[in-house]
Amino acid sequence: MAVLGAPGYIGQEAGPETRVYFVPQDPQLQPARLDPVAMPRHLLTGAQLFARSPRLVVNGWFALHGVSVQETADQITAPLPSGGAAVVSFDSVGRISGINAGPVSA
């Protein structure tokens, strides 16, 4: 979606091993809001589909939603619109090892 500048997509099965994606290009459509509940599924699915760099997937997803991030060697942290923060952790080979979203701990 980010590459196409699209606000979303619709995926549909087109055969036993085939999927078609419809990407709207209507400037009146607004991108979906960042949903902390759906976020882990979105990030893990994106990382699975684009396995080359889960870190780039995470950065791209937050950028698509207009959210700035802070990075360390093994985490990406982003503020959530509702308050709190999302913390995405990576293992020693760069895979997503954990996703936590919630209030900021003291």
PDB file of N, CA and C in Angstrom:
ATOM      1  N   MET A   1       0.815  -1.179   0.000  1.00  0.00           N
ATOM      2  CA  MET A   1       0.000   0.000   0.000  1.00  0.00           C
ATOM      3  C   MET A   1       0.865   1.252   0.000  1.00  0.00           C
ATOM      4  N   ALA A   2       1.916   1.228   0.793  1.00  0.00           N
ATOM      5  CA  ALA A   2       2.767   2.412   0.875  1.00  0.00           C
ATOM      6  C   ALA A   2       3.444   2.693  -0.460  1.00  0.00           C
ATOM      7  N   VAL A   3       3.894   1.664  -1.138  1.00  0.00           N
ATOM      8  CA  VAL A   3       4.566   1.844  -2.427  1.00  0.00           C
ATOM      9  C   VAL A   3       3.602   2.459  -3.440  1.00  0.00           C
ATOM     10  N   LEU A   4       2.342   2.030  -3.409  1.00  0.00           N
ATOM     11  CA  LEU A   4       1.346   2.543  -4.349  1.00  0.00           C
ATOM     12  C   LEU A   4       0.687   3.830  -3.872  1.00  0.00           C
ATOM     13  N   GLY A   5       0.929   4.198  -2.627  1.00  0.00           N
ATOM     14  CA  GLY A   5       0.264   5.371  -2.076  1.00  0.00           C
ATOM     15  C   GLY A   5      -1.219   5.144  -1.896  1.00  0.00           C
ATOM     16  N   ALA A   6      -1.604   3.904  -1.672  1.00  0.00           N
ATOM     17  CA  ALA A   6      -3.017   3.544  -1.548  1.00  0.00           C
ATOM     18  C   ALA A   6      -3.457   3.543  -0.093  1.00  0.00           C
ATOM     19  N   PRO A   7      -4.721   3.885   0.158  1.00  0.00           N
ATOM     20  CA  PRO A   7      -5.216   3.901   1.531  1.00  0.00           C
ATOM     21  C   PRO A   7      -5.583   2.522   2.059  1.00  0.00           C
ATOM     22  N   GLY A   8      -5.546   1.509   1.224  1.00  0.00           N
ATOM     23  CA  GLY A   8      -5.901   0.164   1.668  1.00  0.00           C
ATOM     24  C   GLY A   8      -5.931  -0.794   0.501  1.00  0.00           C
ATOM     25  N   TYR A   9      -6.392  -2.000   0.772  1.00  0.00           N
ATOM     26  CA  TYR A   9      -6.530  -2.992  -0.278  1.00  0.00           C
ATOM     27  C   TYR A   9      -7.580  -4.011   0.142  1.00  0.00           C
ATOM     28  N   ILE A  10      -8.050  -4.764  -0.831  1.00  0.00           N
ATOM     29  CA  ILE A  10      -8.957  -5.879  -0.574  1.00  0.00           C
ATOM     30  C   ILE A  10      -8.326  -7.096  -1.221  1.00  0.00           C
ATOM     31  N   GLY A  11      -8.098  -8.146  -0.455  1.00  0.00           N
ATOM     32  CA  GLY A  11      -7.548  -9.392  -0.983  1.00  0.00           C
ATOM     33  C   GLY A  11      -8.660 -10.407  -1.192  1.00  0.00           C
ATOM     34  N   GLN A  12      -8.607 -11.111  -2.304  1.00  0.00           N
ATOM     35  CA  GLN A  12      -9.636 -12.098  -2.627  1.00  0.00           C
ATOM     36  C   GLN A  12      -8.990 -13.327  -3.241  1.00  0.00           C
ATOM     37  N   GLU A  13      -9.427 -14.512  -2.815  1.00  0.00           N
ATOM     38  CA  GLU A  13      -8.918 -15.735  -3.435  1.00  0.00           C
ATOM     39  C   GLU A  13      -9.407 -15.811  -4.868  1.00  0.00           C
ATOM     40  N   ALA A  14      -8.489 -16.176  -5.774  1.00  0.00           N
ATOM     41  CA  ALA A  14      -8.831 -16.281  -7.189  1.00  0.00           C
ATOM     42  C   ALA A  14      -8.623 -17.699  -7.703  1.00  0.00           C
ATOM     43  N   GLY A  15      -8.126 -18.579  -6.868  1.00  0.00           N
ATOM     44  CA  GLY A  15      -7.884 -19.965  -7.248  1.00  0.00           C
ATOM     45  C   GLY A  15      -7.282 -20.695  -6.072  1.00  0.00           C
ATOM     46  N   PRO A  16      -6.986 -21.978  -6.246  1.00  0.00           N
ATOM     47  CA  PRO A  16      -6.458 -22.768  -5.136  1.00  0.00           C
ATOM     48  C   PRO A  16      -5.168 -22.210  -4.531  1.00  0.00           C
ATOM     49  N   GLU A  17      -4.322 -21.634  -5.346  1.00  0.00           N
ATOM     50  CA  GLU A  17      -3.060 -21.088  -4.849  1.00  0.00           C
ATOM     51  C   GLU A  17      -2.835 -19.665  -5.352  1.00  0.00           C
ATOM     52  N   THR A  18      -3.926 -18.963  -5.629  1.00  0.00           N
ATOM     53  CA  THR A  18      -3.825 -17.628  -6.214  1.00  0.00           C
ATOM     54  C   THR A  18      -4.685 -16.651  -5.441  1.00  0.00           C
ATOM     55  N   ARG A  19      -4.162 -15.463  -5.277  1.00  0.00           N
ATOM     56  CA  ARG A  19      -4.889 -14.396  -4.601  1.00  0.00           C
ATOM     57  C   ARG A  19      -4.772 -13.125  -5.436  1.00  0.00           C
ATOM     58  N   VAL A  20      -5.839 -12.347  -5.506  1.00  0.00           N
ATOM     59  CA  VAL A  20      -5.868 -11.083  -6.233  1.00  0.00           C
ATOM     60  C   VAL A  20      -6.067  -9.970  -5.215  1.00  0.00           C
ATOM     61  N   TYR A  21      -5.360  -8.862  -5.416  1.00  0.00           N
ATOM     62  CA  TYR A  21      -5.496  -7.717  -4.523  1.00  0.00           C
ATOM     63  C   TYR A  21      -6.033  -6.527  -5.308  1.00  0.00           C
ATOM     64  N   PHE A  22      -7.096  -5.932  -4.803  1.00  0.00           N
ATOM     65  CA  PHE A  22      -7.697  -4.744  -5.394  1.00  0.00           C
ATOM     66  C   PHE A  22      -7.233  -3.553  -4.566  1.00  0.00           C
ATOM     67  N   VAL A  23      -6.656  -2.557  -5.249  1.00  0.00           N
ATOM     68  CA  VAL A  23      -6.102  -1.396  -4.563  1.00  0.00           C
ATOM     69  C   VAL A  23      -6.831  -0.148  -5.064  1.00  0.00           C
ATOM     70  N   PRO A  24      -7.615   0.498  -4.188  1.00  0.00           N
ATOM     71  CA  PRO A  24      -8.329   1.706  -4.618  1.00  0.00           C
ATOM     72  C   PRO A  24      -7.370   2.882  -4.776  1.00  0.00           C
ATOM     73  N   GLN A  25      -7.666   3.745  -5.713  1.00  0.00           N
ATOM     74  CA  GLN A  25      -6.849   4.941  -5.929  1.00  0.00           C
ATOM     75  C   GLN A  25      -7.708   6.207  -5.836  1.00  0.00           C
ATOM     76  N   ASP A  26      -8.737   6.186  -5.011  1.00  0.00           N
ATOM     77  CA  ASP A  26      -9.645   7.316  -4.848  1.00  0.00           C
ATOM     78  C   ASP A  26      -9.076   8.263  -3.793  1.00  0.00           C
ATOM     79  N   PRO A  27      -8.740   9.509  -4.148  1.00  0.00           N
ATOM     80  CA  PRO A  27      -8.143  10.434  -3.182  1.00  0.00           C
ATOM     81  C   PRO A  27      -9.079  10.793  -2.025  1.00  0.00           C
ATOM     82  N   GLN A  28     -10.368  10.503  -2.160  1.00  0.00           N
ATOM     83  CA  GLN A  28     -11.303  10.805  -1.076  1.00  0.00           C
ATOM     84  C   GLN A  28     -11.266   9.747   0.031  1.00  0.00           C
ATOM     85  N   LEU A  29     -10.692   8.595  -0.257  1.00  0.00           N
ATOM     86  CA  LEU A  29     -10.588   7.553   0.759  1.00  0.00           C
ATOM     87  C   LEU A  29      -9.472   7.892   1.732  1.00  0.00           C
ATOM     88  N   GLN A  30      -9.739   7.698   2.991  1.00  0.00           N
ATOM     89  CA  GLN A  30      -8.741   7.944   4.027  1.00  0.00           C
ATOM     90  C   GLN A  30      -8.123   6.616   4.456  1.00  0.00           C
ATOM     91  N   PRO A  31      -6.832   6.600   4.783  1.00  0.00           N
ATOM     92  CA  PRO A  31      -6.213   5.361   5.262  1.00  0.00           C
ATOM     93  C   PRO A  31      -6.865   4.910   6.565  1.00  0.00           C
ATOM     94  N   ALA A  32      -6.830   3.624   6.788  1.00  0.00           N
ATOM     95  CA  ALA A  32      -7.364   3.082   8.037  1.00  0.00           C
ATOM     96  C   ALA A  32      -6.571   3.633   9.209  1.00  0.00           C
ATOM     97  N   ARG A  33      -7.245   3.828  10.325  1.00  0.00           N
ATOM     98  CA  ARG A  33      -6.567   4.302  11.536  1.00  0.00           C
ATOM     99  C   ARG A  33      -5.717   3.191  12.128  1.00  0.00           C
ATOM    100  N   LEU A  34      -4.712   3.583  12.849  1.00  0.00           N
ATOM    101  CA  LEU A  34      -3.870   2.625  13.541  1.00  0.00           C
ATOM    102  C   LEU A  34      -4.723   1.938  14.608  1.00  0.00           C
ATOM    103  N   ASP A  35      -4.833   0.624  14.509  1.00  0.00           N
ATOM    104  CA  ASP A  35      -5.620  -0.171  15.457  1.00  0.00           C
ATOM    105  C   ASP A  35      -4.665  -1.031  16.268  1.00  0.00           C
ATOM    106  N   PRO A  36      -4.444  -0.702  17.547  1.00  0.00           N
ATOM    107  CA  PRO A  36      -3.494  -1.468  18.358  1.00  0.00           C
ATOM    108  C   PRO A  36      -3.861  -2.940  18.505  1.00  0.00           C
ATOM    109  N   VAL A  37      -5.143  -3.265  18.404  1.00  0.00           N
ATOM    110  CA  VAL A  37      -5.567  -4.661  18.537  1.00  0.00           C
ATOM    111  C   VAL A  37      -5.170  -5.459  17.296  1.00  0.00           C
ATOM    112  N   ALA A  38      -5.335  -4.865  16.110  1.00  0.00           N
ATOM    113  CA  ALA A  38      -4.997  -5.545  14.859  1.00  0.00           C
ATOM    114  C   ALA A  38      -3.514  -5.433  14.508  1.00  0.00           C
ATOM    115  N   MET A  39      -2.811  -4.495  15.143  1.00  0.00           N
ATOM    116  CA  MET A  39      -1.409  -4.227  14.822  1.00  0.00           C
ATOM    117  C   MET A  39      -0.518  -5.469  14.835  1.00  0.00           C
ATOM    118  N   PRO A  40      -0.547  -6.306  15.884  1.00  0.00           N
ATOM    119  CA  PRO A  40       0.343  -7.481  15.865  1.00  0.00           C
ATOM    120  C   PRO A  40       0.120  -8.382  14.647  1.00  0.00           C
ATOM    121  N   ARG A  41      -1.140  -8.615  14.302  1.00  0.00           N
ATOM    122  CA  ARG A  41      -1.438  -9.456  13.132  1.00  0.00           C
ATOM    123  C   ARG A  41      -0.912  -8.802  11.860  1.00  0.00           C
ATOM    124  N   HIS A  42      -1.125  -7.505  11.719  1.00  0.00           N
ATOM    125  CA  HIS A  42      -0.647  -6.793  10.524  1.00  0.00           C
ATOM    126  C   HIS A  42       0.870  -6.876  10.402  1.00  0.00           C
ATOM    127  N   LEU A  43       1.559  -6.629  11.506  1.00  0.00           N
ATOM    128  CA  LEU A  43       3.025  -6.644  11.463  1.00  0.00           C
ATOM    129  C   LEU A  43       3.571  -8.040  11.199  1.00  0.00           C
ATOM    130  N   LEU A  44       3.022  -9.045  11.861  1.00  0.00           N
ATOM    131  CA  LEU A  44       3.510 -10.417  11.648  1.00  0.00           C
ATOM    132  C   LEU A  44       3.202 -10.914  10.241  1.00  0.00           C
ATOM    133  N   THR A  45       2.016 -10.594   9.732  1.00  0.00           N
ATOM    134  CA  THR A  45       1.670 -10.989   8.361  1.00  0.00           C
ATOM    135  C   THR A  45       2.577 -10.292   7.354  1.00  0.00           C
ATOM    136  N   GLY A  46       2.798  -8.993   7.556  1.00  0.00           N
ATOM    137  CA  GLY A  46       3.682  -8.252   6.655  1.00  0.00           C
ATOM    138  C   GLY A  46       5.102  -8.787   6.695  1.00  0.00           C
ATOM    139  N   ALA A  47       5.578  -9.087   7.890  1.00  0.00           N
ATOM    140  CA  ALA A  47       6.930  -9.634   8.018  1.00  0.00           C
ATOM    141  C   ALA A  47       7.040 -10.994   7.348  1.00  0.00           C
ATOM    142  N   GLN A  48       5.967 -11.787   7.396  1.00  0.00           N
ATOM    143  CA  GLN A  48       5.970 -13.098   6.749  1.00  0.00           C
ATOM    144  C   GLN A  48       5.951 -12.947   5.229  1.00  0.00           C
ATOM    145  N   LEU A  49       5.130 -12.018   4.733  1.00  0.00           N
ATOM    146  CA  LEU A  49       5.029 -11.825   3.282  1.00  0.00           C
ATOM    147  C   LEU A  49       6.293 -11.209   2.698  1.00  0.00           C
ATOM    148  N   PHE A  50       6.889 -10.277   3.440  1.00  0.00           N
ATOM    149  CA  PHE A  50       8.079  -9.580   2.975  1.00  0.00           C
ATOM    150  C   PHE A  50       9.226  -9.947   3.909  1.00  0.00           C
ATOM    151  N   ALA A  51       9.645 -11.186   3.861  1.00  0.00           N
ATOM    152  CA  ALA A  51      10.578 -11.757   4.835  1.00  0.00           C
ATOM    153  C   ALA A  51      11.986 -11.182   4.764  1.00  0.00           C
ATOM    154  N   ARG A  52      12.272 -10.355   3.800  1.00  0.00           N
ATOM    155  CA  ARG A  52      13.629  -9.836   3.661  1.00  0.00           C
ATOM    156  C   ARG A  52      14.054  -8.991   4.853  1.00  0.00           C
ATOM    157  N   SER A  53      13.141  -8.149   5.370  1.00  0.00           N
ATOM    158  CA  SER A  53      13.503  -7.301   6.505  1.00  0.00           C
ATOM    159  C   SER A  53      12.274  -6.960   7.345  1.00  0.00           C
ATOM    160  N   PRO A  54      12.016  -7.727   8.395  1.00  0.00           N
ATOM    161  CA  PRO A  54      10.905  -7.392   9.285  1.00  0.00           C
ATOM    162  C   PRO A  54      11.018  -5.980   9.863  1.00  0.00           C
ATOM    163  N   ARG A  55      12.221  -5.521  10.104  1.00  0.00           N
ATOM    164  CA  ARG A  55      12.407  -4.167  10.644  1.00  0.00           C
ATOM    165  C   ARG A  55      11.883  -3.120   9.661  1.00  0.00           C
ATOM    166  N   LEU A  56      12.138  -3.308   8.370  1.00  0.00           N
ATOM    167  CA  LEU A  56      11.612  -2.371   7.370  1.00  0.00           C
ATOM    168  C   LEU A  56      10.089  -2.435   7.305  1.00  0.00           C
ATOM    169  N   VAL A  57       9.528  -3.627   7.464  1.00  0.00           N
ATOM    170  CA  VAL A  57       8.073  -3.777   7.479  1.00  0.00           C
ATOM    171  C   VAL A  57       7.479  -2.980   8.638  1.00  0.00           C
ATOM    172  N   VAL A  58       8.056  -3.127   9.816  1.00  0.00           N
ATOM    173  CA  VAL A  58       7.558  -2.421  10.997  1.00  0.00           C
ATOM    174  C   VAL A  58       7.683  -0.909  10.809  1.00  0.00           C
ATOM    175  N   ASN A  59       8.846  -0.453  10.371  1.00  0.00           N
ATOM    176  CA  ASN A  59       9.033   0.983  10.127  1.00  0.00           C
ATOM    177  C   ASN A  59       8.051   1.506   9.087  1.00  0.00           C
ATOM    178  N   GLY A  60       7.853   0.752   8.020  1.00  0.00           N
ATOM    179  CA  GLY A  60       6.932   1.161   6.961  1.00  0.00           C
ATOM    180  C   GLY A  60       5.493   1.231   7.439  1.00  0.00           C
ATOM    181  N   TRP A  61       5.099   0.270   8.281  1.00  0.00           N
ATOM    182  CA  TRP A  61       3.728   0.244   8.780  1.00  0.00           C
ATOM    183  C   TRP A  61       3.453   1.468   9.650  1.00  0.00           C
ATOM    184  N   PHE A  62       4.382   1.789  10.538  1.00  0.00           N
ATOM    185  CA  PHE A  62       4.195   2.971  11.375  1.00  0.00           C
ATOM    186  C   PHE A  62       4.246   4.251  10.533  1.00  0.00           C
ATOM    187  N   ALA A  63       5.129   4.312   9.546  1.00  0.00           N
ATOM    188  CA  ALA A  63       5.205   5.484   8.665  1.00  0.00           C
ATOM    189  C   ALA A  63       3.891   5.668   7.901  1.00  0.00           C
ATOM    190  N   LEU A  64       3.290   4.574   7.450  1.00  0.00           N
ATOM    191  CA  LEU A  64       2.013   4.633   6.743  1.00  0.00           C
ATOM    192  C   LEU A  64       0.946   5.286   7.615  1.00  0.00           C
ATOM    193  N   HIS A  65       1.038   5.060   8.919  1.00  0.00           N
ATOM    194  CA  HIS A  65       0.070   5.626   9.855  1.00  0.00           C
ATOM    195  C   HIS A  65       0.531   6.973  10.427  1.00  0.00           C
ATOM    196  N   GLY A  66       1.650   7.497   9.932  1.00  0.00           N
ATOM    197  CA  GLY A  66       2.125   8.801  10.370  1.00  0.00           C
ATOM    198  C   GLY A  66       2.653   8.827  11.789  1.00  0.00           C
ATOM    199  N   VAL A  67       3.173   7.686  12.243  1.00  0.00           N
ATOM    200  CA  VAL A  67       3.675   7.575  13.615  1.00  0.00           C
ATOM    201  C   VAL A  67       5.199   7.504  13.592  1.00  0.00           C
ATOM    202  N   SER A  68       5.840   8.374  14.373  1.00  0.00           N
ATOM    203  CA  SER A  68       7.300   8.343  14.458  1.00  0.00           C
ATOM    204  C   SER A  68       7.726   7.195  15.363  1.00  0.00           C
ATOM    205  N   VAL A  69       8.928   6.715  15.169  1.00  0.00           N
ATOM    206  CA  VAL A  69       9.431   5.596  15.962  1.00  0.00           C
ATOM    207  C   VAL A  69      10.778   5.950  16.572  1.00  0.00           C
ATOM    208  N   GLN A  70      11.110   5.225  17.630  1.00  0.00           N
ATOM    209  CA  GLN A  70      12.444   5.272  18.216  1.00  0.00           C
ATOM    210  C   GLN A  70      13.011   3.869  18.076  1.00  0.00           C
ATOM    211  N   GLU A  71      14.246   3.775  17.607  1.00  0.00           N
ATOM    212  CA  GLU A  71      14.863   2.474  17.370  1.00  0.00           C
ATOM    213  C   GLU A  71      16.076   2.247  18.257  1.00  0.00           C
ATOM    214  N   THR A  72      16.202   1.001  18.685  1.00  0.00           N
ATOM    215  CA  THR A  72      17.426   0.522  19.303  1.00  0.00           C
ATOM    216  C   THR A  72      17.838  -0.711  18.517  1.00  0.00           C
ATOM    217  N   ALA A  73      18.908  -1.353  18.904  1.00  0.00           N
ATOM    218  CA  ALA A  73      19.393  -2.526  18.180  1.00  0.00           C
ATOM    219  C   ALA A  73      18.372  -3.654  18.140  1.00  0.00           C
ATOM    220  N   ASP A  74      17.552  -3.782  19.192  1.00  0.00           N
ATOM    221  CA  ASP A  74      16.630  -4.921  19.239  1.00  0.00           C
ATOM    222  C   ASP A  74      15.162  -4.541  19.427  1.00  0.00           C
ATOM    223  N   GLN A  75      14.823  -3.238  19.301  1.00  0.00           N
ATOM    224  CA  GLN A  75      13.428  -2.827  19.461  1.00  0.00           C
ATOM    225  C   GLN A  75      13.088  -1.608  18.621  1.00  0.00           C
ATOM    226  N   ILE A  76      11.819  -1.528  18.276  1.00  0.00           N
ATOM    227  CA  ILE A  76      11.238  -0.318  17.703  1.00  0.00           C
ATOM    228  C   ILE A  76      10.076   0.050  18.619  1.00  0.00           C
ATOM    229  N   THR A  77      10.060   1.299  19.082  1.00  0.00           N
ATOM    230  CA  THR A  77       9.005   1.780  19.963  1.00  0.00           C
ATOM    231  C   THR A  77       8.290   2.928  19.267  1.00  0.00           C
ATOM    232  N   ALA A  78       6.947   2.909  19.334  1.00  0.00           N
ATOM    233  CA  ALA A  78       6.148   3.953  18.700  1.00  0.00           C
ATOM    234  C   ALA A  78       5.011   4.351  19.626  1.00  0.00           C
ATOM    235  N   PRO A  79       4.724   5.650  19.715  1.00  0.00           N
ATOM    236  CA  PRO A  79       3.595   6.086  20.529  1.00  0.00           C
ATOM    237  C   PRO A  79       2.278   5.674  19.869  1.00  0.00           C
ATOM    238  N   LEU A  80       1.310   5.310  20.689  1.00  0.00           N
ATOM    239  CA  LEU A  80      -0.017   4.961  20.180  1.00  0.00           C
ATOM    240  C   LEU A  80      -0.930   6.176  20.277  1.00  0.00           C
ATOM    241  N   PRO A  81      -1.820   6.364  19.304  1.00  0.00           N
ATOM    242  CA  PRO A  81      -2.710   7.524  19.324  1.00  0.00           C
ATOM    243  C   PRO A  81      -3.563   7.598  20.594  1.00  0.00           C
ATOM    244  N   SER A  82      -3.906   6.460  21.162  1.00  0.00           N
ATOM    245  CA  SER A  82      -4.759   6.423  22.355  1.00  0.00           C
ATOM    246  C   SER A  82      -3.959   6.562  23.643  1.00  0.00           C
ATOM    247  N   GLY A  83      -2.653   6.730  23.525  1.00  0.00           N
ATOM    248  CA  GLY A  83      -1.773   6.792  24.686  1.00  0.00           C
ATOM    249  C   GLY A  83      -0.991   5.497  24.806  1.00  0.00           C
ATOM    250  N   GLY A  84       0.042   5.528  25.564  1.00  0.00           N
ATOM    251  CA  GLY A  84       0.886   4.349  25.693  1.00  0.00           C
ATOM    252  C   GLY A  84       1.802   4.209  24.499  1.00  0.00           C
ATOM    253  N   ALA A  85       2.350   3.026  24.356  1.00  0.00           N
ATOM    254  CA  ALA A  85       3.320   2.803  23.285  1.00  0.00           C
ATOM    255  C   ALA A  85       3.245   1.375  22.782  1.00  0.00           C
ATOM    256  N   ALA A  86       3.676   1.201  21.552  1.00  0.00           N
ATOM    257  CA  ALA A  86       3.856  -0.126  20.969  1.00  0.00           C
ATOM    258  C   ALA A  86       5.347  -0.412  20.960  1.00  0.00           C
ATOM    259  N   VAL A  87       5.721  -1.600  21.405  1.00  0.00           N
ATOM    260  CA  VAL A  87       7.120  -2.010  21.411  1.00  0.00           C
ATOM    261  C   VAL A  87       7.231  -3.297  20.610  1.00  0.00           C
ATOM    262  N   VAL A  88       7.992  -3.245  19.542  1.00  0.00           N
ATOM    263  CA  VAL A  88       8.228  -4.419  18.697  1.00  0.00           C
ATOM    264  C   VAL A  88       9.674  -4.838  18.938  1.00  0.00           C
ATOM    265  N   SER A  89       9.850  -6.085  19.390  1.00  0.00           N
ATOM    266  CA  SER A  89      11.186  -6.613  19.694  1.00  0.00           C
ATOM    267  C   SER A  89      11.644  -7.544  18.582  1.00  0.00           C
ATOM    268  N   PHE A  90      12.969  -7.595  18.391  1.00  0.00           N
ATOM    269  CA  PHE A  90      13.571  -8.433  17.357  1.00  0.00           C
ATOM    270  C   PHE A  90      14.586  -9.367  17.992  1.00  0.00           C
ATOM    271  N   ASP A  91      14.690 -10.588  17.439  1.00  0.00           N
ATOM    272  CA  ASP A  91      15.686 -11.532  17.950  1.00  0.00           C
ATOM    273  C   ASP A  91      17.039 -11.256  17.304  1.00  0.00           C
ATOM    274  N   SER A  92      18.021 -12.093  17.598  1.00  0.00           N
ATOM    275  CA  SER A  92      19.398 -11.858  17.140  1.00  0.00           C
ATOM    276  C   SER A  92      19.571 -11.958  15.623  1.00  0.00           C
ATOM    277  N   VAL A  93      18.611 -12.570  14.912  1.00  0.00           N
ATOM    278  CA  VAL A  93      18.704 -12.635  13.447  1.00  0.00           C
ATOM    279  C   VAL A  93      17.715 -11.694  12.760  1.00  0.00           C
ATOM    280  N   GLY A  94      17.067 -10.816  13.550  1.00  0.00           N
ATOM    281  CA  GLY A  94      16.228  -9.783  12.961  1.00  0.00           C
ATOM    282  C   GLY A  94      14.757 -10.106  12.827  1.00  0.00           C
ATOM    283  N   ARG A  95      14.333 -11.273  13.310  1.00  0.00           N
ATOM    284  CA  ARG A  95      12.907 -11.620  13.249  1.00  0.00           C
ATOM    285  C   ARG A  95      12.145 -10.942  14.374  1.00  0.00           C
ATOM    286  N   ILE A  96      10.849 -10.707  14.150  1.00  0.00           N
ATOM    287  CA  ILE A  96      10.021 -10.156  15.223  1.00  0.00           C
ATOM    288  C   ILE A  96       9.874 -11.220  16.297  1.00  0.00           C
ATOM    289  N   SER A  97      10.248 -10.863  17.519  1.00  0.00           N
ATOM    290  CA  SER A  97      10.172 -11.825  18.616  1.00  0.00           C
ATOM    291  C   SER A  97       9.086 -11.464  19.624  1.00  0.00           C
ATOM    292  N   GLY A  98       8.538 -10.274  19.521  1.00  0.00           N
ATOM    293  CA  GLY A  98       7.477  -9.870  20.427  1.00  0.00           C
ATOM    294  C   GLY A  98       6.876  -8.551  20.025  1.00  0.00           C
ATOM    295  N   ILE A  99       5.578  -8.399  20.291  1.00  0.00           N
ATOM    296  CA  ILE A  99       4.868  -7.148  20.032  1.00  0.00           C
ATOM    297  C   ILE A  99       4.003  -6.860  21.248  1.00  0.00           C
ATOM    298  N   ASN A 100       4.233  -5.736  21.868  1.00  0.00           N
ATOM    299  CA  ASN A 100       3.446  -5.336  23.032  1.00  0.00           C
ATOM    300  C   ASN A 100       2.896  -3.946  22.774  1.00  0.00           C
ATOM    301  N   ALA A 101       1.616  -3.772  23.064  1.00  0.00           N
ATOM    302  CA  ALA A 101       0.983  -2.469  22.915  1.00  0.00           C
ATOM    303  C   ALA A 101       0.175  -2.188  24.166  1.00  0.00           C
ATOM    304  N   GLY A 102       0.424  -1.047  24.773  1.00  0.00           N
ATOM    305  CA  GLY A 102      -0.327  -0.710  25.962  1.00  0.00           C
ATOM    306  C   GLY A 102       0.203   0.516  26.633  1.00  0.00           C
ATOM    307  N   PRO A 103      -0.225   0.713  27.876  1.00  0.00           N
ATOM    308  CA  PRO A 103       0.233   1.903  28.604  1.00  0.00           C
ATOM    309  C   PRO A 103       1.729   1.857  28.863  1.00  0.00           C
ATOM    310  N   VAL A 104       2.307   3.030  28.968  1.00  0.00           N
ATOM    311  CA  VAL A 104       3.746   3.128  29.258  1.00  0.00           C
ATOM    312  C   VAL A 104       3.969   2.750  30.707  1.00  0.00           C
ATOM    313  N   SER A 105       4.947   1.874  30.949  1.00  0.00           N
ATOM    314  CA  SER A 105       5.285   1.466  32.313  1.00  0.00           C
ATOM    315  C   SER A 105       6.116   2.541  32.988  1.00  0.00           C
ATOM    316  N   ALA A 106       5.926   2.667  34.293  1.00  0.00           N
ATOM    317  CA  ALA A 106       6.711   3.664  35.046  1.00  0.00           C
ATOM    318  C   ALA A 106       8.068   3.127  35.389  1.00  0.00           C
TER     319      ALA A 106
END
